[in-house]
Amino acid sequence: MIPSTLRITLIVAVICYFIIILYLLKKRALNLKYTLLWLLAGGVMGILVIFPDLLVRVIHIFGIQDNMNGLFIMCIAFMLMILMALTSIASRQNMKIRALVQEIGILDKRIRELEAHPEEKQE
């Protein structure tokens, strides 16, 4: 069982976490679809703080004997999921940037050709 002072401290920390995430969303420092991932992480943290026995039950379902080891494994797994999601986002952005650079290069070449031969009409 979690001591009441620790539980209150963790609840305040989770509330501060949500306030920071929502503040960043309001200031448009985070995009909404990426913010949902962080809100999900905060929701899981909040549920585990409010219902600490749930964590113990889930850990024992997986056959882990020590609660701290189970907590570390769950944290690492959750961080890996977040890392994979952010890597996927970065990869998609990289492909979009590459396509835009190629389009700009084509347009730049076209402009140079038109400037070099202004008398020719292009259809």
PDB file of N, CA and C in Angstrom:
ATOM      1  N   MET A   1       0.843  -1.192   0.000  1.00  0.00           N
ATOM      2  CA  MET A   1       0.000   0.000   0.000  1.00  0.00           C
ATOM      3  C   MET A   1       0.880   1.244   0.000  1.00  0.00           C
ATOM      4  N   ILE A   2       0.460   2.242  -0.727  1.00  0.00           N
ATOM      5  CA  ILE A   2       1.203   3.491  -0.826  1.00  0.00           C
ATOM      6  C   ILE A   2       0.827   4.387   0.364  1.00  0.00           C
ATOM      7  N   PRO A   3       1.828   4.978   1.027  1.00  0.00           N
ATOM      8  CA  PRO A   3       1.509   5.930   2.099  1.00  0.00           C
ATOM      9  C   PRO A   3       0.699   7.114   1.550  1.00  0.00           C
ATOM     10  N   SER A   4      -0.169   7.668   2.386  1.00  0.00           N
ATOM     11  CA  SER A   4      -1.078   8.725   1.924  1.00  0.00           C
ATOM     12  C   SER A   4      -0.332   9.971   1.460  1.00  0.00           C
ATOM     13  N   THR A   5       0.770  10.338   2.133  1.00  0.00           N
ATOM     14  CA  THR A   5       1.522  11.527   1.694  1.00  0.00           C
ATOM     15  C   THR A   5       2.146  11.307   0.316  1.00  0.00           C
ATOM     16  N   LEU A   6       2.648  10.096   0.074  1.00  0.00           N
ATOM     17  CA  LEU A   6       3.210   9.792  -1.239  1.00  0.00           C
ATOM     18  C   LEU A   6       2.122   9.783  -2.296  1.00  0.00           C
ATOM     19  N   ARG A   7       0.975   9.230  -1.976  1.00  0.00           N
ATOM     20  CA  ARG A   7      -0.136   9.202  -2.936  1.00  0.00           C
ATOM     21  C   ARG A   7      -0.582  10.616  -3.279  1.00  0.00           C
ATOM     22  N   ILE A   8      -0.704  11.493  -2.282  1.00  0.00           N
ATOM     23  CA  ILE A   8      -1.106  12.880  -2.532  1.00  0.00           C
ATOM     24  C   ILE A   8      -0.058  13.587  -3.390  1.00  0.00           C
ATOM     25  N   THR A   9       1.213  13.360  -3.078  1.00  0.00           N
ATOM     26  CA  THR A   9       2.291  13.963  -3.866  1.00  0.00           C
ATOM     27  C   THR A   9       2.240  13.495  -5.320  1.00  0.00           C
ATOM     28  N   LEU A  10       2.006  12.202  -5.523  1.00  0.00           N
ATOM     29  CA  LEU A  10       1.924  11.670  -6.882  1.00  0.00           C
ATOM     30  C   LEU A  10       0.703  12.199  -7.629  1.00  0.00           C
ATOM     31  N   ILE A  11      -0.410  12.348  -6.928  1.00  0.00           N
ATOM     32  CA  ILE A  11      -1.609  12.908  -7.570  1.00  0.00           C
ATOM     33  C   ILE A  11      -1.355  14.349  -7.989  1.00  0.00           C
ATOM     34  N   VAL A  12      -0.707  15.133  -7.128  1.00  0.00           N
ATOM     35  CA  VAL A  12      -0.364  16.523  -7.479  1.00  0.00           C
ATOM     36  C   VAL A  12       0.596  16.538  -8.666  1.00  0.00           C
ATOM     37  N   ALA A  13       1.558  15.603  -8.692  1.00  0.00           N
ATOM     38  CA  ALA A  13       2.505  15.542  -9.810  1.00  0.00           C
ATOM     39  C   ALA A  13       1.793  15.212 -11.120  1.00  0.00           C
ATOM     40  N   VAL A  14       0.847  14.284 -11.092  1.00  0.00           N
ATOM     41  CA  VAL A  14       0.100  13.930 -12.300  1.00  0.00           C
ATOM     42  C   VAL A  14      -0.761  15.111 -12.758  1.00  0.00           C
ATOM     43  N   ILE A  15      -1.365  15.828 -11.825  1.00  0.00           N
ATOM     44  CA  ILE A  15      -2.159  17.007 -12.183  1.00  0.00           C
ATOM     45  C   ILE A  15      -1.262  18.068 -12.824  1.00  0.00           C
ATOM     46  N   CYS A  16      -0.078  18.291 -12.254  1.00  0.00           N
ATOM     47  CA  CYS A  16       0.876  19.243 -12.849  1.00  0.00           C
ATOM     48  C   CYS A  16       1.293  18.799 -14.246  1.00  0.00           C
ATOM     49  N   TYR A  17       1.475  17.495 -14.411  1.00  0.00           N
ATOM     50  CA  TYR A  17       1.821  16.928 -15.719  1.00  0.00           C
ATOM     51  C   TYR A  17       0.736  17.277 -16.741  1.00  0.00           C
ATOM     52  N   PHE A  18      -0.541  17.052 -16.370  1.00  0.00           N
ATOM     53  CA  PHE A  18      -1.638  17.377 -17.277  1.00  0.00           C
ATOM     54  C   PHE A  18      -1.692  18.873 -17.571  1.00  0.00           C
ATOM     55  N   ILE A  19      -1.459  19.702 -16.578  1.00  0.00           N
ATOM     56  CA  ILE A  19      -1.477  21.156 -16.782  1.00  0.00           C
ATOM     57  C   ILE A  19      -0.393  21.560 -17.781  1.00  0.00           C
ATOM     58  N   ILE A  20       0.797  20.988 -17.636  1.00  0.00           N
ATOM     59  CA  ILE A  20       1.897  21.320 -18.555  1.00  0.00           C
ATOM     60  C   ILE A  20       1.559  20.878 -19.974  1.00  0.00           C
ATOM     61  N   ILE A  21       1.038  19.659 -20.127  1.00  0.00           N
ATOM     62  CA  ILE A  21       0.684  19.159 -21.458  1.00  0.00           C
ATOM     63  C   ILE A  21      -0.393  20.041 -22.092  1.00  0.00           C
ATOM     64  N   LEU A  22      -1.424  20.378 -21.333  1.00  0.00           N
ATOM     65  CA  LEU A  22      -2.495  21.222 -21.878  1.00  0.00           C
ATOM     66  C   LEU A  22      -2.008  22.639 -22.165  1.00  0.00           C
ATOM     67  N   TYR A  23      -1.081  23.154 -21.357  1.00  0.00           N
ATOM     68  CA  TYR A  23      -0.507  24.474 -21.620  1.00  0.00           C
ATOM     69  C   TYR A  23       0.272  24.458 -22.933  1.00  0.00           C
ATOM     70  N   LEU A  24       1.082  23.408 -23.134  1.00  0.00           N
ATOM     71  CA  LEU A  24       1.843  23.298 -24.389  1.00  0.00           C
ATOM     72  C   LEU A  24       0.911  23.153 -25.584  1.00  0.00           C
ATOM     73  N   LEU A  25      -0.202  22.455 -25.397  1.00  0.00           N
ATOM     74  CA  LEU A  25      -1.184  22.320 -26.470  1.00  0.00           C
ATOM     75  C   LEU A  25      -1.824  23.667 -26.775  1.00  0.00           C
ATOM     76  N   LYS A  26      -2.162  24.430 -25.739  1.00  0.00           N
ATOM     77  CA  LYS A  26      -2.786  25.739 -25.931  1.00  0.00           C
ATOM     78  C   LYS A  26      -1.846  26.698 -26.647  1.00  0.00           C
ATOM     79  N   LYS A  27      -0.547  26.654 -26.299  1.00  0.00           N
ATOM     80  CA  LYS A  27       0.439  27.530 -26.934  1.00  0.00           C
ATOM     81  C   LYS A  27       0.892  27.010 -28.296  1.00  0.00           C
ATOM     82  N   ARG A  28       0.289  25.882 -28.715  1.00  0.00           N
ATOM     83  CA  ARG A  28       0.604  25.243 -29.992  1.00  0.00           C
ATOM     84  C   ARG A  28       2.059  24.795 -30.089  1.00  0.00           C
ATOM     85  N   ALA A  29       2.650  24.482 -28.944  1.00  0.00           N
ATOM     86  CA  ALA A  29       3.994  23.913 -28.936  1.00  0.00           C
ATOM     87  C   ALA A  29       3.930  22.419 -29.234  1.00  0.00           C
ATOM     88  N   LEU A  30       2.762  21.823 -29.023  1.00  0.00           N
ATOM     89  CA  LEU A  30       2.523  20.415 -29.342  1.00  0.00           C
ATOM     90  C   LEU A  30       1.314  20.326 -30.261  1.00  0.00           C
ATOM     91  N   ASN A  31       1.393  19.422 -31.209  1.00  0.00           N
ATOM     92  CA  ASN A  31       0.275  19.167 -32.097  1.00  0.00           C
ATOM     93  C   ASN A  31      -0.716  18.254 -31.382  1.00  0.00           C
ATOM     94  N   LEU A  32      -2.004  18.362 -31.688  1.00  0.00           N
ATOM     95  CA  LEU A  32      -3.031  17.615 -30.984  1.00  0.00           C
ATOM     96  C   LEU A  32      -2.825  16.107 -31.085  1.00  0.00           C
ATOM     97  N   LYS A  33      -2.508  15.612 -32.280  1.00  0.00           N
ATOM     98  CA  LYS A  33      -2.391  14.158 -32.418  1.00  0.00           C
ATOM     99  C   LYS A  33      -1.190  13.610 -31.652  1.00  0.00           C
ATOM    100  N   TYR A  34      -0.156  14.420 -31.436  1.00  0.00           N
ATOM    101  CA  TYR A  34       0.984  13.962 -30.644  1.00  0.00           C
ATOM    102  C   TYR A  34       0.699  14.135 -29.155  1.00  0.00           C
ATOM    103  N   THR A  35      -0.122  15.108 -28.819  1.00  0.00           N
ATOM    104  CA  THR A  35      -0.479  15.346 -27.429  1.00  0.00           C
ATOM    105  C   THR A  35      -1.309  14.190 -26.876  1.00  0.00           C
ATOM    106  N   LEU A  36      -2.088  13.551 -27.724  1.00  0.00           N
ATOM    107  CA  LEU A  36      -2.910  12.437 -27.266  1.00  0.00           C
ATOM    108  C   LEU A  36      -2.056  11.317 -26.692  1.00  0.00           C
ATOM    109  N   LEU A  37      -0.887  11.099 -27.260  1.00  0.00           N
ATOM    110  CA  LEU A  37       0.028  10.085 -26.740  1.00  0.00           C
ATOM    111  C   LEU A  37       0.477  10.421 -25.320  1.00  0.00           C
ATOM    112  N   TRP A  38       0.810  11.681 -25.091  1.00  0.00           N
ATOM    113  CA  TRP A  38       1.253  12.101 -23.755  1.00  0.00           C
ATOM    114  C   TRP A  38       0.093  12.127 -22.769  1.00  0.00           C
ATOM    115  N   LEU A  39      -1.104  12.462 -23.239  1.00  0.00           N
ATOM    116  CA  LEU A  39      -2.273  12.415 -22.361  1.00  0.00           C
ATOM    117  C   LEU A  39      -2.595  10.976 -21.967  1.00  0.00           C
ATOM    118  N   LEU A  40      -2.403  10.037 -22.891  1.00  0.00           N
ATOM    119  CA  LEU A  40      -2.600   8.629 -22.569  1.00  0.00           C
ATOM    120  C   LEU A  40      -1.610   8.194 -21.490  1.00  0.00           C
ATOM    121  N   ALA A  41      -0.359   8.612 -21.621  1.00  0.00           N
ATOM    122  CA  ALA A  41       0.648   8.279 -20.603  1.00  0.00           C
ATOM    123  C   ALA A  41       0.242   8.856 -19.248  1.00  0.00           C
ATOM    124  N   GLY A  42      -0.242  10.081 -19.231  1.00  0.00           N
ATOM    125  CA  GLY A  42      -0.693  10.692 -17.980  1.00  0.00           C
ATOM    126  C   GLY A  42      -1.903   9.987 -17.402  1.00  0.00           C
ATOM    127  N   GLY A  43      -2.798   9.545 -18.269  1.00  0.00           N
ATOM    128  CA  GLY A  43      -3.961   8.802 -17.805  1.00  0.00           C
ATOM    129  C   GLY A  43      -3.571   7.493 -17.127  1.00  0.00           C
ATOM    130  N   VAL A  44      -2.620   6.792 -17.738  1.00  0.00           N
ATOM    131  CA  VAL A  44      -2.137   5.546 -17.129  1.00  0.00           C
ATOM    132  C   VAL A  44      -1.481   5.842 -15.784  1.00  0.00           C
ATOM    133  N   MET A  45      -0.672   6.899 -15.728  1.00  0.00           N
ATOM    134  CA  MET A  45      -0.045   7.265 -14.451  1.00  0.00           C
ATOM    135  C   MET A  45      -1.098   7.593 -13.402  1.00  0.00           C
ATOM    136  N   GLY A  46      -2.115   8.344 -13.788  1.00  0.00           N
ATOM    137  CA  GLY A  46      -3.168   8.712 -12.854  1.00  0.00           C
ATOM    138  C   GLY A  46      -3.925   7.496 -12.332  1.00  0.00           C
ATOM    139  N   ILE A  47      -4.247   6.570 -13.237  1.00  0.00           N
ATOM    140  CA  ILE A  47      -4.956   5.354 -12.819  1.00  0.00           C
ATOM    141  C   ILE A  47      -4.105   4.548 -11.847  1.00  0.00           C
ATOM    142  N   LEU A  48      -2.803   4.436 -12.135  1.00  0.00           N
ATOM    143  CA  LEU A  48      -1.930   3.659 -11.257  1.00  0.00           C
ATOM    144  C   LEU A  48      -1.725   4.334  -9.901  1.00  0.00           C
ATOM    145  N   VAL A  49      -1.784   5.663  -9.860  1.00  0.00           N
ATOM    146  CA  VAL A  49      -1.659   6.362  -8.577  1.00  0.00           C
ATOM    147  C   VAL A  49      -2.940   6.204  -7.759  1.00  0.00           C
ATOM    148  N   ILE A  50      -4.075   6.304  -8.410  1.00  0.00           N
ATOM    149  CA  ILE A  50      -5.349   6.209  -7.702  1.00  0.00           C
ATOM    150  C   ILE A  50      -5.637   4.768  -7.271  1.00  0.00           C
ATOM    151  N   PHE A  51      -5.312   3.806  -8.152  1.00  0.00           N
ATOM    152  CA  PHE A  51      -5.549   2.391  -7.861  1.00  0.00           C
ATOM    153  C   PHE A  51      -4.229   1.621  -7.881  1.00  0.00           C
ATOM    154  N   PRO A  52      -3.400   1.731  -6.843  1.00  0.00           N
ATOM    155  CA  PRO A  52      -2.094   1.060  -6.853  1.00  0.00           C
ATOM    156  C   PRO A  52      -2.195  -0.464  -6.837  1.00  0.00           C
ATOM    157  N   ASP A  53      -3.287  -1.013  -6.333  1.00  0.00           N
ATOM    158  CA  ASP A  53      -3.451  -2.469  -6.328  1.00  0.00           C
ATOM    159  C   ASP A  53      -3.607  -3.026  -7.739  1.00  0.00           C
ATOM    160  N   LEU A  54      -4.089  -2.197  -8.657  1.00  0.00           N
ATOM    161  CA  LEU A  54      -4.225  -2.617 -10.042  1.00  0.00           C
ATOM    162  C   LEU A  54      -2.862  -2.982 -10.628  1.00  0.00           C
ATOM    163  N   LEU A  55      -1.859  -2.186 -10.312  1.00  0.00           N
ATOM    164  CA  LEU A  55      -0.500  -2.465 -10.788  1.00  0.00           C
ATOM    165  C   LEU A  55      -0.018  -3.811 -10.264  1.00  0.00           C
ATOM    166  N   VAL A  56      -0.270  -4.088  -8.993  1.00  0.00           N
ATOM    167  CA  VAL A  56       0.160  -5.352  -8.384  1.00  0.00           C
ATOM    168  C   VAL A  56      -0.527  -6.529  -9.063  1.00  0.00           C
ATOM    169  N   ARG A  57      -1.803  -6.389  -9.330  1.00  0.00           N
ATOM    170  CA  ARG A  57      -2.542  -7.475  -9.995  1.00  0.00           C
ATOM    171  C   ARG A  57      -2.013  -7.734 -11.403  1.00  0.00           C
ATOM    172  N   VAL A  58      -1.783  -6.661 -12.165  1.00  0.00           N
ATOM    173  CA  VAL A  58      -1.280  -6.815 -13.532  1.00  0.00           C
ATOM    174  C   VAL A  58       0.110  -7.452 -13.516  1.00  0.00           C
ATOM    175  N   ILE A  59       0.944  -7.034 -12.598  1.00  0.00           N
ATOM    176  CA  ILE A  59       2.299  -7.584 -12.499  1.00  0.00           C
ATOM    177  C   ILE A  59       2.248  -9.080 -12.193  1.00  0.00           C
ATOM    178  N   HIS A  60       1.384  -9.488 -11.290  1.00  0.00           N
ATOM    179  CA  HIS A  60       1.293 -10.901 -10.939  1.00  0.00           C
ATOM    180  C   HIS A  60       0.672 -11.738 -12.057  1.00  0.00           C
ATOM    181  N   ILE A  61      -0.163 -11.131 -12.893  1.00  0.00           N
ATOM    182  CA  ILE A  61      -0.710 -11.850 -14.049  1.00  0.00           C
ATOM    183  C   ILE A  61       0.424 -12.265 -14.984  1.00  0.00           C
ATOM    184  N   PHE A  62       1.418 -11.402 -15.141  1.00  0.00           N
ATOM    185  CA  PHE A  62       2.554 -11.709 -16.008  1.00  0.00           C
ATOM    186  C   PHE A  62       3.592 -12.579 -15.318  1.00  0.00           C
ATOM    187  N   GLY A  63       3.376 -12.931 -14.071  1.00  0.00           N
ATOM    188  CA  GLY A  63       4.271 -13.828 -13.365  1.00  0.00           C
ATOM    189  C   GLY A  63       5.499 -13.165 -12.772  1.00  0.00           C
ATOM    190  N   ILE A  64       5.473 -11.862 -12.617  1.00  0.00           N
ATOM    191  CA  ILE A  64       6.600 -11.137 -12.036  1.00  0.00           C
ATOM    192  C   ILE A  64       6.412 -11.119 -10.518  1.00  0.00           C
ATOM    193  N   GLN A  65       7.436 -11.527  -9.789  1.00  0.00           N
ATOM    194  CA  GLN A  65       7.307 -11.671  -8.342  1.00  0.00           C
ATOM    195  C   GLN A  65       7.473 -10.347  -7.598  1.00  0.00           C
ATOM    196  N   ASP A  66       8.435  -9.537  -8.025  1.00  0.00           N
ATOM    197  CA  ASP A  66       8.734  -8.293  -7.312  1.00  0.00           C
ATOM    198  C   ASP A  66       7.973  -7.136  -7.950  1.00  0.00           C
ATOM    199  N   ASN A  67       7.285  -6.369  -7.139  1.00  0.00           N
ATOM    200  CA  ASN A  67       6.491  -5.247  -7.656  1.00  0.00           C
ATOM    201  C   ASN A  67       7.355  -4.187  -8.326  1.00  0.00           C
ATOM    202  N   MET A  68       8.524  -3.910  -7.758  1.00  0.00           N
ATOM    203  CA  MET A  68       9.395  -2.884  -8.350  1.00  0.00           C
ATOM    204  C   MET A  68       9.912  -3.314  -9.718  1.00  0.00           C
ATOM    205  N   ASN A  69      10.259  -4.583  -9.864  1.00  0.00           N
ATOM    206  CA  ASN A  69      10.688  -5.077 -11.172  1.00  0.00           C
ATOM    207  C   ASN A  69       9.560  -4.953 -12.185  1.00  0.00           C
ATOM    208  N   GLY A  70       8.359  -5.276 -11.771  1.00  0.00           N
ATOM    209  CA  GLY A  70       7.212  -5.141 -12.654  1.00  0.00           C
ATOM    210  C   GLY A  70       6.965  -3.701 -13.051  1.00  0.00           C
ATOM    211  N   LEU A  71       7.112  -2.800 -12.094  1.00  0.00           N
ATOM    212  CA  LEU A  71       6.933  -1.378 -12.387  1.00  0.00           C
ATOM    213  C   LEU A  71       7.976  -0.898 -13.392  1.00  0.00           C
ATOM    214  N   PHE A  72       9.226  -1.310 -13.201  1.00  0.00           N
ATOM    215  CA  PHE A  72      10.285  -0.919 -14.134  1.00  0.00           C
ATOM    216  C   PHE A  72      10.039  -1.501 -15.524  1.00  0.00           C
ATOM    217  N   ILE A  73       9.600  -2.743 -15.591  1.00  0.00           N
ATOM    218  CA  ILE A  73       9.320  -3.364 -16.891  1.00  0.00           C
ATOM    219  C   ILE A  73       8.181  -2.632 -17.590  1.00  0.00           C
ATOM    220  N   MET A  74       7.131  -2.288 -16.847  1.00  0.00           N
ATOM    221  CA  MET A  74       6.007  -1.557 -17.444  1.00  0.00           C
ATOM    222  C   MET A  74       6.435  -0.171 -17.913  1.00  0.00           C
ATOM    223  N   CYS A  75       7.264   0.500 -17.123  1.00  0.00           N
ATOM    224  CA  CYS A  75       7.742   1.833 -17.516  1.00  0.00           C
ATOM    225  C   CYS A  75       8.594   1.752 -18.782  1.00  0.00           C
ATOM    226  N   ILE A  76       9.478   0.778 -18.827  1.00  0.00           N
ATOM    227  CA  ILE A  76      10.335   0.620 -20.005  1.00  0.00           C
ATOM    228  C   ILE A  76       9.489   0.284 -21.232  1.00  0.00           C
ATOM    229  N   ALA A  77       8.506  -0.595 -21.069  1.00  0.00           N
ATOM    230  CA  ALA A  77       7.634  -0.948 -22.192  1.00  0.00           C
ATOM    231  C   ALA A  77       6.852   0.272 -22.679  1.00  0.00           C
ATOM    232  N   PHE A  78       6.340   1.058 -21.761  1.00  0.00           N
ATOM    233  CA  PHE A  78       5.576   2.246 -22.148  1.00  0.00           C
ATOM    234  C   PHE A  78       6.478   3.265 -22.846  1.00  0.00           C
ATOM    235  N   MET A  79       7.694   3.435 -22.337  1.00  0.00           N
ATOM    236  CA  MET A  79       8.626   4.368 -22.983  1.00  0.00           C
ATOM    237  C   MET A  79       9.008   3.869 -24.375  1.00  0.00           C
ATOM    238  N   LEU A  80       9.145   2.564 -24.556  1.00  0.00           N
ATOM    239  CA  LEU A  80       9.437   2.027 -25.880  1.00  0.00           C
ATOM    240  C   LEU A  80       8.289   2.282 -26.852  1.00  0.00           C
ATOM    241  N   MET A  81       7.043   2.159 -26.364  1.00  0.00           N
ATOM    242  CA  MET A  81       5.901   2.458 -27.230  1.00  0.00           C
ATOM    243  C   MET A  81       5.902   3.921 -27.641  1.00  0.00           C
ATOM    244  N   ILE A  82       6.173   4.811 -26.704  1.00  0.00           N
ATOM    245  CA  ILE A  82       6.232   6.240 -27.024  1.00  0.00           C
ATOM    246  C   ILE A  82       7.371   6.509 -28.000  1.00  0.00           C
ATOM    247  N   LEU A  83       8.513   5.890 -27.775  1.00  0.00           N
ATOM    248  CA  LEU A  83       9.662   6.079 -28.653  1.00  0.00           C
ATOM    249  C   LEU A  83       9.363   5.589 -30.065  1.00  0.00           C
ATOM    250  N   MET A  84       8.704   4.441 -30.193  1.00  0.00           N
ATOM    251  CA  MET A  84       8.346   3.939 -31.522  1.00  0.00           C
ATOM    252  C   MET A  84       7.364   4.875 -32.219  1.00  0.00           C
ATOM    253  N   ALA A  85       6.394   5.391 -31.479  1.00  0.00           N
ATOM    254  CA  ALA A  85       5.426   6.310 -32.079  1.00  0.00           C
ATOM    255  C   ALA A  85       6.115   7.587 -32.550  1.00  0.00           C
ATOM    256  N   LEU A  86       7.014   8.126 -31.729  1.00  0.00           N
ATOM    257  CA  LEU A  86       7.713   9.356 -32.118  1.00  0.00           C
ATOM    258  C   LEU A  86       8.683   9.110 -33.275  1.00  0.00           C
ATOM    259  N   THR A  87       9.299   7.941 -33.317  1.00  0.00           N
ATOM    260  CA  THR A  87      10.180   7.602 -34.437  1.00  0.00           C
ATOM    261  C   THR A  87       9.378   7.486 -35.727  1.00  0.00           C
ATOM    262  N   SER A  88       8.200   6.912 -35.637  1.00  0.00           N
ATOM    263  CA  SER A  88       7.328   6.814 -36.806  1.00  0.00           C
ATOM    264  C   SER A  88       6.945   8.204 -37.309  1.00  0.00           C
ATOM    265  N   ILE A  89       6.626   9.089 -36.398  1.00  0.00           N
ATOM    266  CA  ILE A  89       6.272  10.465 -36.767  1.00  0.00           C
ATOM    267  C   ILE A  89       7.459  11.152 -37.431  1.00  0.00           C
ATOM    268  N   ALA A  90       8.653  10.997 -36.856  1.00  0.00           N
ATOM    269  CA  ALA A  90       9.845  11.621 -37.427  1.00  0.00           C
ATOM    270  C   ALA A  90      10.145  11.066 -38.810  1.00  0.00           C
ATOM    271  N   SER A  91       9.934   9.778 -39.014  1.00  0.00           N
ATOM    272  CA  SER A  91      10.182   9.166 -40.327  1.00  0.00           C
ATOM    273  C   SER A  91       9.222   9.722 -41.375  1.00  0.00           C
ATOM    274  N   ARG A  92       7.934   9.838 -41.006  1.00  0.00           N
ATOM    275  CA  ARG A  92       6.971  10.405 -41.946  1.00  0.00           C
ATOM    276  C   ARG A  92       7.309  11.847 -42.288  1.00  0.00           C
ATOM    277  N   GLN A  93       7.715  12.624 -41.282  1.00  0.00           N
ATOM    278  CA  GLN A  93       8.092  14.017 -41.534  1.00  0.00           C
ATOM    279  C   GLN A  93       9.313  14.085 -42.452  1.00  0.00           C
ATOM    280  N   ASN A  94      10.262  13.171 -42.263  1.00  0.00           N
ATOM    281  CA  ASN A  94      11.451  13.136 -43.097  1.00  0.00           C
ATOM    282  C   ASN A  94      11.078  12.866 -44.551  1.00  0.00           C
ATOM    283  N   MET A  95      10.157  11.932 -44.792  1.00  0.00           N
ATOM    284  CA  MET A  95       9.725  11.648 -46.165  1.00  0.00           C
ATOM    285  C   MET A  95       9.022  12.854 -46.783  1.00  0.00           C
ATOM    286  N   LYS A  96       8.197  13.535 -46.000  1.00  0.00           N
ATOM    287  CA  LYS A  96       7.510  14.725 -46.513  1.00  0.00           C
ATOM    288  C   LYS A  96       8.508  15.826 -46.850  1.00  0.00           C
ATOM    289  N   ILE A  97       9.512  16.020 -46.003  1.00  0.00           N
ATOM    290  CA  ILE A  97      10.528  17.044 -46.250  1.00  0.00           C
ATOM    291  C   ILE A  97      11.300  16.721 -47.516  1.00  0.00           C
ATOM    292  N   ARG A  98      11.655  15.447 -47.691  1.00  0.00           N
ATOM    293  CA  ARG A  98      12.389  15.041 -48.887  1.00  0.00           C
ATOM    294  C   ARG A  98      11.571  15.332 -50.147  1.00  0.00           C
ATOM    295  N   ALA A  99      10.279  15.006 -50.128  1.00  0.00           N
ATOM    296  CA  ALA A  99       9.418  15.264 -51.285  1.00  0.00           C
ATOM    297  C   ALA A  99       9.318  16.768 -51.561  1.00  0.00           C
ATOM    298  N   LEU A 100       9.200  17.567 -50.507  1.00  0.00           N
ATOM    299  CA  LEU A 100       9.120  19.018 -50.697  1.00  0.00           C
ATOM    300  C   LEU A 100      10.414  19.588 -51.264  1.00  0.00           C
ATOM    301  N   VAL A 101      11.548  19.102 -50.800  1.00  0.00           N
ATOM    302  CA  VAL A 101      12.840  19.567 -51.321  1.00  0.00           C
ATOM    303  C   VAL A 101      12.962  19.216 -52.800  1.00  0.00           C
ATOM    304  N   GLN A 102      12.521  18.031 -53.180  1.00  0.00           N
ATOM    305  CA  GLN A 102      12.572  17.640 -54.585  1.00  0.00           C
ATOM    306  C   GLN A 102      11.658  18.528 -55.431  1.00  0.00           C
ATOM    307  N   GLU A 103      10.463  18.822 -54.938  1.00  0.00           N
ATOM    308  CA  GLU A 103       9.550  19.702 -55.667  1.00  0.00           C
ATOM    309  C   GLU A 103      10.135  21.103 -55.816  1.00  0.00           C
ATOM    310  N   ILE A 104      10.748  21.603 -54.756  1.00  0.00           N
ATOM    311  CA  ILE A 104      11.365  22.934 -54.820  1.00  0.00           C
ATOM    312  C   ILE A 104      12.504  22.934 -55.826  1.00  0.00           C
ATOM    313  N   GLY A 105      13.277  21.859 -55.863  1.00  0.00           N
ATOM    314  CA  GLY A 105      14.365  21.753 -56.831  1.00  0.00           C
ATOM    315  C   GLY A 105      13.850  21.765 -58.256  1.00  0.00           C
ATOM    316  N   ILE A 106      12.767  21.046 -58.509  1.00  0.00           N
ATOM    317  CA  ILE A 106      12.175  21.024 -59.851  1.00  0.00           C
ATOM    318  C   ILE A 106      11.657  22.409 -60.221  1.00  0.00           C
ATOM    319  N   LEU A 107      10.966  23.057 -59.293  1.00  0.00           N
ATOM    320  CA  LEU A 107      10.448  24.403 -59.568  1.00  0.00           C
ATOM    321  C   LEU A 107      11.571  25.413 -59.766  1.00  0.00           C
ATOM    322  N   ASP A 108      12.647  25.281 -58.987  1.00  0.00           N
ATOM    323  CA  ASP A 108      13.796  26.173 -59.137  1.00  0.00           C
ATOM    324  C   ASP A 108      14.427  26.008 -60.516  1.00  0.00           C
ATOM    325  N   LYS A 109      14.554  24.768 -60.957  1.00  0.00           N
ATOM    326  CA  LYS A 109      15.110  24.521 -62.292  1.00  0.00           C
ATOM    327  C   LYS A 109      14.216  25.116 -63.362  1.00  0.00           C
ATOM    328  N   ARG A 110      12.915  24.964 -63.198  1.00  0.00           N
ATOM    329  CA  ARG A 110      11.960  25.508 -64.180  1.00  0.00           C
ATOM    330  C   ARG A 110      12.049  27.036 -64.235  1.00  0.00           C
ATOM    331  N   ILE A 111      12.166  27.676 -63.060  1.00  0.00           N
ATOM    332  CA  ILE A 111      12.286  29.141 -63.027  1.00  0.00           C
ATOM    333  C   ILE A 111      13.571  29.582 -63.708  1.00  0.00           C
ATOM    334  N   ARG A 112      14.665  28.900 -63.462  1.00  0.00           N
ATOM    335  CA  ARG A 112      15.937  29.251 -64.110  1.00  0.00           C
ATOM    336  C   ARG A 112      15.859  29.091 -65.623  1.00  0.00           C
ATOM    337  N   GLU A 113      15.193  28.032 -66.076  1.00  0.00           N
ATOM    338  CA  GLU A 113      15.027  27.845 -67.524  1.00  0.00           C
ATOM    339  C   GLU A 113      14.205  28.968 -68.129  1.00  0.00           C
ATOM    340  N   LEU A 114      13.141  29.375 -67.439  1.00  0.00           N
ATOM    341  CA  LEU A 114      12.293  30.452 -67.945  1.00  0.00           C
ATOM    342  C   LEU A 114      13.031  31.795 -67.930  1.00  0.00           C
ATOM    343  N   GLU A 115      13.868  32.018 -66.911  1.00  0.00           N
ATOM    344  CA  GLU A 115      14.635  33.256 -66.859  1.00  0.00           C
ATOM    345  C   GLU A 115      15.729  33.279 -67.915  1.00  0.00           C
ATOM    346  N   ALA A 116      16.279  32.137 -68.239  1.00  0.00           N
ATOM    347  CA  ALA A 116      17.341  32.069 -69.243  1.00  0.00           C
ATOM    348  C   ALA A 116      16.793  32.287 -70.643  1.00  0.00           C
ATOM    349  N   HIS A 117      15.581  31.858 -70.894  1.00  0.00           N
ATOM    350  CA  HIS A 117      14.953  31.993 -72.216  1.00  0.00           C
ATOM    351  C   HIS A 117      13.583  32.620 -72.059  1.00  0.00           C
ATOM    352  N   PRO A 118      13.528  33.929 -71.782  1.00  0.00           N
ATOM    353  CA  PRO A 118      12.212  34.560 -71.537  1.00  0.00           C
ATOM    354  C   PRO A 118      11.365  34.684 -72.789  1.00  0.00           C
ATOM    355  N   GLU A 119      11.985  34.653 -73.993  1.00  0.00           N
ATOM    356  CA  GLU A 119      11.200  34.818 -75.203  1.00  0.00           C
ATOM    357  C   GLU A 119      10.384  33.579 -75.570  1.00  0.00           C
ATOM    358  N   GLU A 120      10.795  32.419 -75.089  1.00  0.00           N
ATOM    359  CA  GLU A 120      10.052  31.196 -75.385  1.00  0.00           C
ATOM    360  C   GLU A 120       8.832  31.105 -74.483  1.00  0.00           C
ATOM    361  N   LYS A 121       7.707  30.788 -75.068  1.00  0.00           N
ATOM    362  CA  LYS A 121       6.484  30.628 -74.273  1.00  0.00           C
ATOM    363  C   LYS A 121       6.360  29.169 -73.887  1.00  0.00           C
ATOM    364  N   GLN A 122       6.089  28.969 -72.641  1.00  0.00           N
ATOM    365  CA  GLN A 122       5.885  27.621 -72.133  1.00  0.00           C
ATOM    366  C   GLN A 122       4.390  27.385 -71.974  1.00  0.00           C
ATOM    367  N   GLU A 123       3.940  26.228 -72.402  1.00  0.00           N
ATOM    368  CA  GLU A 123       2.509  25.924 -72.286  1.00  0.00           C
ATOM    369  C   GLU A 123       2.269  24.991 -71.153  1.00  0.00           C
TER     370      GLU A 123
END
